[in-house]
Amino acid sequence: MTAVKRKTLFVRDLQDGGQVADLFLVSRKIFAETKAGKPYLALTLMDNSGEIEARVWEDAEQANEFVEIGRVILIQGLVKQFRDQLQLNINSLRVLEKEDVILQEFMPSSRRPVPEMQAELNGLLDTVEDRFLGLLLGTIFRDDILQGFLTAPAAKMMHHAYLGGLAEHTLSVTRLSLCLCDHYPELDRDLLVAGCLLHDIGKIDEFDFATVPFAYTDSGRLVGHMVLGSETVRKEAERIDGFPSALLNNLIHMILSHHGRHEFGSPCLPMTREAILLHHLDDMDAKMNLIDKLSARVEAGKYQWSDYQRSLERFLLLKGLEEQAAVENHPEDFASDSRQEEGNPSPDDALIPRQKQLF
């Protein structure tokens, strides 16, 4: 049996002029030609600390034949500065089998520990006084669904696009909602908490996150997380004797309307206090997470303009985070929205050129 190979040098540690002999996961690749007609292979390499662009200049055609997206490669190369960004020039590489590496070393993940997020979730569940909503939440957040909730990303590329991102985003939205319950006493607190906790539950089935890069499942592309989530909630509610139909309709309405607009994927518009509030809090939390990732690339305490962000239709003036370690586990794939993913986009990605929601 081949010994498992461990990483020793991470993207966050790379410096200009450094020699590199280590493992990286291929998250993107493009086979192209220079202006002079010489072929080269452009790769994006990643680990759980970030991403870096890489180039194979020699024997690029041969490398292109066996280097695949999602595979881990052992490379030897040199780090160089190119257009104010670090880039790896690869001299040699070898593809490894997945069983020969520890995939978690290459998987972006939330900075929040899973036990901490589970404890916060349990605390929120304990505050729900409505008997039917309490039973429903307790039924849903257990076993496989709970495990998926704590593990899944909240998106493939945009906001909270890392393991644990779904729980991190969901808990953040729920905390934000609680801050407003005293300010708007007409809100139904229990319904609001339940809607916030369940609004993205369908993403557990929308994404395949067993390895990176994350992908959409068939049901994720064909049905989408809002419908998948509403189906889960309805199925579990129907198992609870006497669950009020009006309460269920209000809860499912929050799930189906939380993108806020038909063109953003919602089959209906938010039409209740709780649904409108959820929509805006969801969008706000997504945007703040995106800005955090952009700011992580800026020198601490300094200001810098971002590249044009298509999802926001604007440039952003960013201030570097004082605590860079707070985001070092996240891949730095938010420098520009100019890249497009391969394949058919899901509702979350299809409207990027003109949408203002990140969801």
Protein backbone atom coordinates (compact mmCIF):
# COMPACT_ATOMS: atom_id res chain seq x y z
CA MET A 1 0.00 0.00 0.00
CA THR A 2 1.33 3.42 -0.98
CA ALA A 3 2.06 5.75 1.94
CA VAL A 4 -0.19 8.79 2.14
CA LYS A 5 1.63 11.94 1.07
CA ARG A 6 1.24 15.07 3.20
CA LYS A 7 1.52 18.71 2.23
CA THR A 8 4.32 20.73 3.80
CA LEU A 9 4.07 24.01 1.88
CA PHE A 10 0.76 25.86 1.49
CA VAL A 11 -0.29 28.60 -0.91
CA ARG A 12 -0.33 31.17 1.88
CA ASP A 13 3.39 30.47 2.50
CA LEU A 14 4.60 30.93 -1.09
CA GLN A 15 7.00 33.79 -1.74
CA ASP A 16 8.53 35.34 -4.84
CA GLY A 17 11.61 33.40 -5.92
CA GLY A 18 10.81 30.35 -3.81
CA GLN A 19 11.44 26.83 -5.04
CA VAL A 20 8.40 24.57 -4.68
CA ALA A 21 8.14 20.79 -4.51
CA ASP A 22 4.73 19.95 -3.09
CA LEU A 23 1.14 18.84 -3.64
CA PHE A 24 -1.66 20.98 -5.03
CA LEU A 25 -5.15 20.35 -6.34
CA VAL A 26 -6.07 21.46 -9.86
CA SER A 27 -9.20 23.62 -9.70
CA ARG A 28 -9.09 25.01 -13.25
CA LYS A 29 -7.14 24.45 -16.45
CA ILE A 30 -6.92 26.06 -19.88
CA PHE A 31 -4.83 24.83 -22.79
CA ALA A 32 -3.83 27.81 -24.91
CA GLU A 33 -1.16 29.29 -27.16
CA THR A 34 1.10 32.30 -26.85
CA LYS A 35 1.02 35.04 -29.46
CA ALA A 36 3.96 33.27 -31.07
CA GLY A 37 1.91 30.08 -31.37
CA LYS A 38 3.65 28.10 -28.62
CA PRO A 39 1.23 25.94 -26.56
CA TYR A 40 1.09 26.27 -22.80
CA LEU A 41 -1.08 24.95 -19.99
CA ALA A 42 -2.64 27.46 -17.57
CA LEU A 43 -3.62 25.93 -14.24
CA THR A 44 -5.19 27.24 -11.07
CA LEU A 45 -3.80 25.29 -8.13
CA MET A 46 -5.28 25.28 -4.65
CA ASP A 47 -5.07 23.94 -1.14
CA ASN A 48 -7.07 24.79 1.95
CA SER A 49 -5.22 28.09 2.37
CA GLY A 50 -5.82 29.61 -1.04
CA GLU A 51 -5.23 29.51 -4.78
CA ILE A 52 -2.39 30.40 -7.13
CA GLU A 53 -2.10 30.57 -10.90
CA ALA A 54 0.45 28.24 -12.50
CA ARG A 55 1.86 27.70 -15.99
CA VAL A 56 3.38 24.72 -17.77
CA TRP A 57 5.53 25.99 -20.63
CA GLU A 58 7.44 22.86 -21.63
CA ASP A 59 5.68 19.70 -22.87
CA ALA A 60 2.35 21.46 -22.32
CA GLU A 61 0.46 19.24 -24.77
CA GLN A 62 1.54 16.10 -22.93
CA ALA A 63 0.69 17.60 -19.54
CA ASN A 64 -2.75 18.61 -20.80
CA GLU A 65 -3.55 14.99 -21.64
CA PHE A 66 -3.29 13.66 -18.08
CA VAL A 67 -3.83 16.69 -15.82
CA GLU A 68 -7.52 16.88 -14.89
CA ILE A 69 -9.58 19.29 -12.82
CA GLY A 70 -10.11 17.87 -9.34
CA ARG A 71 -6.89 15.83 -9.30
CA VAL A 72 -3.97 16.34 -6.94
CA ILE A 73 -0.58 16.81 -8.57
CA LEU A 74 2.95 16.79 -7.19
CA ILE A 75 4.81 19.66 -8.81
CA GLN A 76 8.29 21.11 -8.90
CA GLY A 77 8.58 24.73 -9.88
CA LEU A 78 9.49 28.31 -9.11
CA VAL A 79 7.35 31.13 -7.71
CA LYS A 80 7.56 34.34 -9.71
CA GLN A 81 5.87 37.73 -9.59
CA PHE A 82 3.67 38.42 -12.62
CA ARG A 83 1.46 41.50 -12.91
CA ASP A 84 1.54 42.08 -9.15
CA GLN A 85 0.46 38.49 -8.46
CA LEU A 86 2.46 35.40 -7.54
CA GLN A 87 2.53 32.68 -10.18
CA LEU A 88 4.04 29.21 -10.28
CA ASN A 89 6.18 28.19 -13.24
CA ILE A 90 6.01 24.39 -13.24
CA ASN A 91 9.07 22.45 -14.38
CA SER A 92 7.71 18.94 -13.73
CA LEU A 93 4.55 17.36 -12.36
CA ARG A 94 3.01 14.02 -11.49
CA VAL A 95 -0.65 13.13 -10.94
CA LEU A 96 -1.48 11.33 -7.67
CA GLU A 97 -4.41 9.10 -6.81
CA LYS A 98 -6.96 10.50 -4.35
CA GLU A 99 -6.38 7.65 -1.92
CA ASP A 100 -2.72 8.68 -1.70
CA VAL A 101 -3.47 12.13 -0.26
CA ILE A 102 -5.55 13.73 2.48
CA LEU A 103 -8.22 15.67 0.60
CA GLN A 104 -8.99 17.91 3.57
CA GLU A 105 -5.59 19.54 3.03
CA PHE A 106 -6.95 20.84 -0.26
CA MET A 107 -10.56 21.59 0.74
CA PRO A 108 -11.48 25.16 1.69
CA SER A 109 -13.35 25.24 4.98
CA SER A 110 -15.02 27.61 7.41
CA ARG A 111 -12.88 29.16 10.08
CA ARG A 112 -15.62 28.34 12.61
CA PRO A 113 -15.20 24.94 14.29
CA VAL A 114 -18.03 22.51 13.53
CA PRO A 115 -18.78 21.76 17.22
CA GLU A 116 -19.14 25.50 17.83
CA MET A 117 -21.64 25.87 15.00
CA GLN A 118 -23.58 22.81 16.09
CA ALA A 119 -23.79 24.17 19.64
CA GLU A 120 -25.11 27.49 18.31
CA LEU A 121 -27.67 25.66 16.19
CA ASN A 122 -28.84 23.65 19.21
CA GLY A 123 -29.15 26.84 21.22
CA LEU A 124 -31.33 28.43 18.55
CA LEU A 125 -33.54 25.34 18.32
CA ASP A 126 -34.10 25.47 22.07
CA THR A 127 -35.48 29.02 21.84
CA VAL A 128 -38.34 28.09 19.47
CA GLU A 129 -41.53 28.03 21.55
CA ASP A 130 -44.03 27.08 18.85
CA ARG A 131 -44.66 23.36 19.34
CA PHE A 132 -45.04 22.50 15.66
CA LEU A 133 -42.05 24.49 14.47
CA GLY A 134 -39.98 23.05 17.31
CA LEU A 135 -40.92 19.50 16.33
CA LEU A 136 -40.23 20.21 12.66
CA LEU A 137 -36.81 21.71 13.27
CA GLY A 138 -35.85 18.92 15.64
CA THR A 139 -36.87 16.35 13.05
CA ILE A 140 -34.95 17.98 10.20
CA PHE A 141 -31.73 18.88 12.02
CA ARG A 142 -30.57 15.39 12.89
CA ASP A 143 -28.71 12.46 11.36
CA ASP A 144 -27.74 12.84 7.69
CA ILE A 145 -29.37 16.23 7.22
CA LEU A 146 -27.54 17.66 10.24
CA GLN A 147 -24.24 16.26 9.00
CA GLY A 148 -24.85 17.69 5.55
CA PHE A 149 -25.86 21.05 6.98
CA LEU A 150 -22.62 21.31 8.97
CA THR A 151 -20.47 20.20 6.03
CA ALA A 152 -21.97 21.68 2.85
CA PRO A 153 -20.83 24.90 1.19
CA ALA A 154 -23.36 27.70 0.70
CA ALA A 155 -22.35 28.17 -2.95
CA LYS A 156 -20.03 26.79 -5.60
CA MET A 157 -18.14 30.00 -6.32
CA MET A 158 -19.67 33.09 -4.79
CA HIS A 159 -20.33 33.51 -1.07
CA HIS A 160 -19.38 31.04 1.71
CA ALA A 161 -18.05 28.67 -0.98
CA TYR A 162 -16.24 26.34 1.40
CA LEU A 163 -16.98 23.38 3.67
CA GLY A 164 -19.12 24.52 6.58
CA GLY A 165 -20.14 27.60 4.61
CA LEU A 166 -23.82 26.66 4.63
CA ALA A 167 -23.96 26.46 8.43
CA GLU A 168 -21.84 29.59 8.83
CA HIS A 169 -24.08 31.60 6.50
CA THR A 170 -27.34 30.21 7.90
CA LEU A 171 -26.39 30.91 11.51
CA SER A 172 -25.23 34.40 10.59
CA VAL A 173 -28.55 35.20 8.88
CA THR A 174 -30.46 33.83 11.87
CA ARG A 175 -28.43 35.91 14.35
CA LEU A 176 -29.06 39.01 12.25
CA SER A 177 -32.79 38.32 12.28
CA LEU A 178 -32.86 38.09 16.06
CA CYS A 179 -31.24 41.52 16.30
CA LEU A 180 -34.31 42.96 14.58
CA CYS A 181 -37.06 41.17 16.49
CA ASP A 182 -37.12 43.75 19.29
CA HIS A 183 -36.98 46.61 16.78
CA TYR A 184 -39.91 45.18 14.82
CA PRO A 185 -42.11 43.54 17.48
CA GLU A 186 -44.75 42.58 14.91
CA LEU A 187 -42.43 39.89 13.56
CA ASP A 188 -43.29 36.28 14.34
CA ARG A 189 -40.02 35.35 16.03
CA ASP A 190 -40.43 31.57 15.85
CA LEU A 191 -41.47 31.63 12.20
CA LEU A 192 -38.57 33.96 11.39
CA VAL A 193 -36.03 31.71 13.12
CA ALA A 194 -37.40 28.62 11.42
CA GLY A 195 -37.39 30.30 8.00
CA CYS A 196 -33.84 31.56 8.44
CA LEU A 197 -32.57 28.16 9.56
CA LEU A 198 -34.28 26.33 6.70
CA HIS A 199 -34.03 28.79 3.81
CA ASP A 200 -30.98 27.10 2.24
CA ILE A 201 -31.45 23.56 3.54
CA GLY A 202 -31.88 22.35 -0.05
CA LYS A 203 -28.23 23.14 -0.76
CA ILE A 204 -27.31 19.90 0.98
CA ASP A 205 -28.77 18.13 -2.07
CA GLU A 206 -27.90 20.84 -4.60
CA PHE A 207 -24.13 20.44 -4.26
CA ASP A 208 -21.70 17.57 -4.57
CA PHE A 209 -19.04 18.56 -2.06
CA ALA A 210 -17.24 15.25 -1.56
CA THR A 211 -14.22 16.76 -3.30
CA VAL A 212 -13.16 19.99 -4.92
CA PRO A 213 -13.97 21.80 -7.04
CA PHE A 214 -17.53 21.64 -5.76
CA ALA A 215 -20.10 20.67 -8.38
CA TYR A 216 -23.86 20.72 -8.83
CA THR A 217 -25.83 17.51 -8.55
CA ASP A 218 -28.37 16.60 -11.21
CA SER A 219 -31.21 17.55 -8.89
CA GLY A 220 -29.39 20.76 -8.02
CA ARG A 221 -29.33 21.85 -11.64
CA LEU A 222 -32.74 20.49 -12.64
CA VAL A 223 -34.72 21.51 -9.54
CA GLY A 224 -32.65 23.94 -7.45
CA HIS A 225 -32.16 24.36 -3.74
CA MET A 226 -35.31 26.41 -3.06
CA VAL A 227 -37.62 23.72 -4.39
CA LEU A 228 -35.51 20.92 -2.91
CA GLY A 229 -35.63 22.62 0.48
CA SER A 230 -39.37 23.25 0.35
CA GLU A 231 -39.94 19.59 -0.54
CA THR A 232 -37.90 18.47 2.47
CA VAL A 233 -39.81 20.79 4.81
CA ARG A 234 -43.22 19.76 3.49
CA LYS A 235 -42.38 16.05 3.70
CA GLU A 236 -41.24 16.33 7.32
CA ALA A 237 -44.16 18.58 8.32
CA GLU A 238 -46.69 16.11 6.93
CA ARG A 239 -45.33 13.51 9.37
CA ILE A 240 -46.27 15.74 12.31
CA ASP A 241 -49.90 15.19 13.29
CA GLY A 242 -51.94 18.37 13.11
CA PHE A 243 -49.26 20.64 11.67
CA PRO A 244 -51.19 23.84 10.73
CA SER A 245 -51.43 24.29 6.98
CA ALA A 246 -51.26 28.08 7.24
CA LEU A 247 -48.03 27.89 9.25
CA LEU A 248 -46.52 25.46 6.74
CA ASN A 249 -47.49 27.70 3.82
CA ASN A 250 -45.85 30.71 5.47
CA LEU A 251 -42.67 28.76 6.15
CA ILE A 252 -42.44 27.33 2.64
CA HIS A 253 -43.17 30.78 1.24
CA MET A 254 -40.06 32.09 3.00
CA ILE A 255 -37.93 29.36 1.43
CA LEU A 256 -39.29 29.81 -2.08
CA SER A 257 -39.15 33.62 -2.06
CA HIS A 258 -35.84 34.32 -0.35
CA HIS A 259 -34.01 35.25 -3.59
CA GLY A 260 -36.42 38.15 -3.79
CA ARG A 261 -37.07 38.35 -7.54
CA HIS A 262 -38.33 36.00 -10.25
CA GLU A 263 -35.24 36.68 -12.36
CA PHE A 264 -33.05 35.63 -9.45
CA GLY A 265 -34.70 32.20 -9.26
CA SER A 266 -37.52 32.73 -6.78
CA PRO A 267 -40.82 31.24 -8.02
CA CYS A 268 -42.66 33.80 -5.90
CA LEU A 269 -41.90 37.23 -4.44
CA PRO A 270 -41.60 37.68 -0.67
CA MET A 271 -45.03 38.81 0.54
CA THR A 272 -44.84 38.66 4.35
CA ARG A 273 -42.84 40.58 6.94
CA GLU A 274 -40.70 37.55 7.71
CA ALA A 275 -40.10 36.66 4.06
CA ILE A 276 -39.08 40.21 3.12
CA LEU A 277 -36.71 40.44 6.07
CA LEU A 278 -35.15 37.05 5.30
CA HIS A 279 -34.53 38.06 1.69
CA HIS A 280 -32.64 41.21 2.62
CA LEU A 281 -30.64 39.59 5.43
CA ASP A 282 -29.67 36.68 3.18
CA ASP A 283 -28.46 39.04 0.46
CA MET A 284 -26.62 41.27 2.94
CA ASP A 285 -24.75 38.40 4.55
CA ALA A 286 -23.72 37.06 1.14
CA LYS A 287 -22.36 40.45 0.07
CA MET A 288 -20.43 40.95 3.31
CA ASN A 289 -18.81 37.53 2.91
CA LEU A 290 -17.77 38.38 -0.64
CA ILE A 291 -16.25 41.67 0.51
CA ASP A 292 -14.38 39.86 3.30
CA LYS A 293 -12.77 37.54 0.76
CA LEU A 294 -11.78 40.44 -1.48
CA SER A 295 -10.41 42.37 1.49
CA ALA A 296 -8.27 39.40 2.52
CA ARG A 297 -6.11 40.05 -0.55
CA VAL A 298 -5.38 43.63 0.50
CA GLU A 299 -2.50 44.54 2.80
CA ALA A 300 -3.75 44.90 6.37
CA GLY A 301 -4.94 48.40 7.15
CA LYS A 302 -4.43 49.63 3.58
CA TYR A 303 -7.08 50.66 1.03
CA GLN A 304 -7.21 49.26 -2.52
CA TRP A 305 -9.71 49.20 -5.37
CA SER A 306 -10.98 45.79 -6.42
CA ASP A 307 -11.30 44.52 -9.96
CA TYR A 308 -14.74 45.08 -11.45
CA GLN A 309 -17.24 42.84 -9.66
CA ARG A 310 -19.83 41.69 -12.15
CA SER A 311 -22.15 40.32 -9.47
CA LEU A 312 -22.31 43.77 -7.85
CA GLU A 313 -21.89 45.77 -11.08
CA ARG A 314 -19.26 48.02 -9.53
CA PHE A 315 -15.70 48.40 -8.28
CA LEU A 316 -15.19 48.27 -4.52
CA LEU A 317 -12.88 50.29 -2.30
CA LEU A 318 -11.52 47.66 0.08
CA LYS A 319 -9.65 47.92 3.34
CA GLY A 320 -7.26 45.10 4.19
CA LEU A 321 -8.34 43.02 7.16
CA GLU A 322 -6.31 43.54 10.32
CA GLU A 323 -6.57 39.84 11.13
CA GLN A 324 -5.58 38.08 7.92
CA ALA A 325 -5.49 34.74 9.74
CA ALA A 326 -9.25 34.96 10.09
CA VAL A 327 -9.70 34.10 6.43
CA GLU A 328 -6.55 32.20 5.57
CA ASN A 329 -8.47 28.93 5.28
CA HIS A 330 -10.53 30.26 2.40
CA PRO A 331 -9.37 30.04 -1.22
CA GLU A 332 -8.64 33.44 -2.70
CA ASP A 333 -10.94 33.01 -5.68
CA PHE A 334 -12.78 36.29 -5.33
CA ALA A 335 -10.24 38.69 -6.81
CA SER A 336 -12.36 39.14 -9.92
CA ASP A 337 -15.71 37.98 -11.19
CA SER A 338 -14.37 37.80 -14.73
CA ARG A 339 -13.93 34.02 -14.69
CA GLN A 340 -16.80 31.81 -15.75
CA GLU A 341 -17.37 28.29 -14.55
CA GLU A 342 -17.71 25.41 -16.97
CA GLY A 343 -21.02 23.74 -17.74
CA ASN A 344 -24.59 24.95 -17.41
CA PRO A 345 -25.01 27.50 -14.60
CA SER A 346 -27.48 26.99 -11.79
CA PRO A 347 -29.93 29.76 -10.86
CA ASP A 348 -27.35 31.14 -8.41
CA ASP A 349 -24.80 31.63 -11.19
CA ALA A 350 -26.87 32.15 -14.32
CA LEU A 351 -27.63 35.80 -13.64
CA ILE A 352 -24.20 36.95 -12.50
CA PRO A 353 -23.73 39.55 -15.29
CA ARG A 354 -26.73 41.59 -14.14
CA GLN A 355 -27.76 40.35 -10.72
CA LYS A 356 -27.25 42.27 -7.52
CA GLN A 357 -28.00 39.36 -5.22
CA LEU A 358 -25.39 36.77 -4.28
CA PHE A 359 -27.53 34.39 -2.22
